[in-house]
Amino acid sequence: MAFALDGRIFFTEKETGDVRIIRDGRVLPEPFVHVVVEGSAERGLLGIALHPDFERDPWVYLYYSERGGASNRIIRVRAEAGEALEVDPIITLLPAVTGYHNGGTWRSGRTASCTP
């Protein structure tokens, strides 16, 4: 979960790939954004954070395992008026751990692919 100063709570659904918002104590009917995830074992939509100055720079950062188990990714999504307007890939970590204990690391000798 990630808490915005305006009272909204952003939360992830690990296996569906949906990011949902709670506003005024109610879950909004439509997901904020959806990413296609591999939700088996300990993979899926695993992390969320808001930009430190979210009110002025409304980026939501997500960490997830791509469907097919090929890689873990970090992306950011711009939140304007409660809608996801822009998706920006940041880092692709190769390869995703298959099975359990998928903490976001990659195997020794591998590198991350970054998008500026």
Protein backbone atom coordinates (compact mmCIF):
# COMPACT_ATOMS: atom_id res chain seq x y z
CA MET A 1 0.00 0.00 0.00
CA ALA A 2 1.00 3.60 -0.57
CA PHE A 3 -0.66 6.55 1.18
CA ALA A 4 -1.17 9.91 -0.57
CA LEU A 5 -1.45 13.08 1.51
CA ASP A 6 -4.94 13.73 0.07
CA GLY A 7 -6.18 10.59 1.86
CA ARG A 8 -6.16 8.17 -1.08
CA ILE A 9 -4.66 4.74 -0.52
CA PHE A 10 -3.13 2.96 -3.53
CA PHE A 11 -2.84 -0.81 -3.19
CA THR A 12 -1.76 -3.71 -5.38
CA GLU A 13 -3.44 -6.99 -6.14
CA LYS A 14 -0.56 -9.44 -6.47
CA GLU A 15 -2.14 -11.99 -8.78
CA THR A 16 -4.46 -9.81 -10.90
CA GLY A 17 -1.93 -7.07 -11.67
CA ASP A 18 -4.42 -4.37 -10.69
CA VAL A 19 -3.57 -1.24 -8.73
CA ARG A 20 -6.68 -0.09 -6.89
CA ILE A 21 -7.48 3.11 -4.98
CA ILE A 22 -9.38 3.58 -1.74
CA ARG A 23 -10.92 7.04 -1.49
CA ASP A 24 -13.14 8.21 1.37
CA GLY A 25 -13.14 4.69 2.82
CA ARG A 26 -14.39 3.00 -0.38
CA VAL A 27 -12.56 1.02 -3.04
CA LEU A 28 -13.10 2.71 -6.41
CA PRO A 29 -14.90 0.42 -8.87
CA GLU A 30 -12.28 0.59 -11.64
CA PRO A 31 -8.58 -0.22 -11.20
CA PHE A 32 -6.19 2.74 -11.41
CA VAL A 33 -3.96 0.72 -13.73
CA HIS A 34 -3.47 -2.91 -14.78
CA VAL A 35 -0.17 -4.63 -15.61
CA VAL A 36 0.09 -8.15 -17.02
CA VAL A 37 1.80 -10.25 -14.35
CA GLU A 38 2.95 -13.77 -13.61
CA GLY A 39 1.09 -14.23 -10.33
CA SER A 40 2.14 -17.77 -9.42
CA ALA A 41 4.22 -18.67 -6.37
CA GLU A 42 5.85 -15.52 -5.00
CA ARG A 43 5.69 -13.56 -8.24
CA GLY A 44 3.16 -10.95 -9.36
CA LEU A 45 2.56 -7.27 -8.63
CA LEU A 46 4.84 -7.06 -5.60
CA GLY A 47 5.67 -3.44 -4.84
CA ILE A 48 4.28 0.08 -4.93
CA ALA A 49 5.63 3.49 -3.91
CA LEU A 50 4.61 7.09 -4.52
CA HIS A 51 7.05 9.79 -5.59
CA PRO A 52 8.33 11.61 -2.47
CA ASP A 53 6.67 14.84 -3.70
CA PHE A 54 3.59 13.08 -5.09
CA GLU A 55 1.33 16.15 -4.89
CA ARG A 56 3.58 18.07 -7.32
CA ASP A 57 5.07 15.11 -9.20
CA PRO A 58 2.36 12.40 -9.25
CA TRP A 59 4.30 9.26 -10.18
CA VAL A 60 3.34 5.83 -8.85
CA TYR A 61 6.23 3.31 -8.99
CA LEU A 62 5.46 -0.41 -9.43
CA TYR A 63 7.56 -3.56 -9.19
CA TYR A 64 6.20 -6.72 -10.83
CA SER A 65 7.01 -10.05 -12.49
CA GLU A 66 6.10 -10.18 -16.17
CA ARG A 67 3.80 -12.94 -17.39
CA GLY A 68 5.84 -15.91 -18.60
CA GLY A 69 8.41 -15.36 -15.85
CA ALA A 70 10.99 -13.80 -18.15
CA SER A 71 11.82 -10.78 -16.01
CA ASN A 72 10.95 -8.50 -13.14
CA ARG A 73 10.29 -4.87 -14.01
CA ILE A 74 10.06 -1.47 -12.36
CA ILE A 75 7.79 1.03 -14.08
CA ARG A 76 6.26 4.33 -13.14
CA VAL A 77 2.72 5.51 -13.91
CA ARG A 78 1.69 9.16 -13.95
CA ALA A 79 -1.47 9.80 -11.92
CA GLU A 80 -3.52 12.79 -13.06
CA ALA A 81 -7.01 13.35 -11.66
CA GLY A 82 -7.12 9.75 -10.43
CA GLU A 83 -6.29 8.29 -13.83
CA ALA A 84 -3.17 6.55 -15.11
CA LEU A 85 -2.09 8.71 -18.04
CA GLU A 86 1.45 7.64 -18.82
CA VAL A 87 3.41 4.44 -18.25
CA ASP A 88 7.19 4.77 -18.23
CA PRO A 89 9.43 1.65 -18.02
CA ILE A 90 12.45 2.23 -15.77
CA ILE A 91 14.35 -1.03 -15.15
CA THR A 92 14.08 -4.61 -16.38
CA LEU A 93 15.80 -7.11 -14.09
CA LEU A 94 16.83 -10.36 -15.82
CA PRO A 95 15.94 -13.13 -15.15
CA ALA A 96 13.02 -13.37 -12.77
CA VAL A 97 13.44 -15.99 -10.09
CA THR A 98 11.33 -19.03 -10.84
CA GLY A 99 9.56 -20.49 -7.86
CA TYR A 100 9.91 -18.94 -4.44
CA HIS A 101 11.65 -16.05 -2.66
CA ASN A 102 11.40 -13.58 -5.54
CA GLY A 103 12.79 -10.50 -3.84
CA GLY A 104 13.72 -8.55 -6.95
CA THR A 105 17.32 -9.57 -7.32
CA TRP A 106 18.92 -11.05 -10.36
CA ARG A 107 21.57 -13.76 -10.62
CA SER A 108 25.24 -12.98 -10.29
CA GLY A 109 26.83 -11.93 -13.56
CA ARG A 110 23.57 -10.54 -14.97
CA THR A 111 22.88 -6.88 -15.58
CA ALA A 112 19.79 -4.74 -15.52
CA SER A 113 18.43 -3.03 -18.61
CA CYS A 114 17.55 0.59 -17.88
CA THR A 115 15.39 3.02 -19.80
CA PRO A 116 16.36 6.68 -19.24
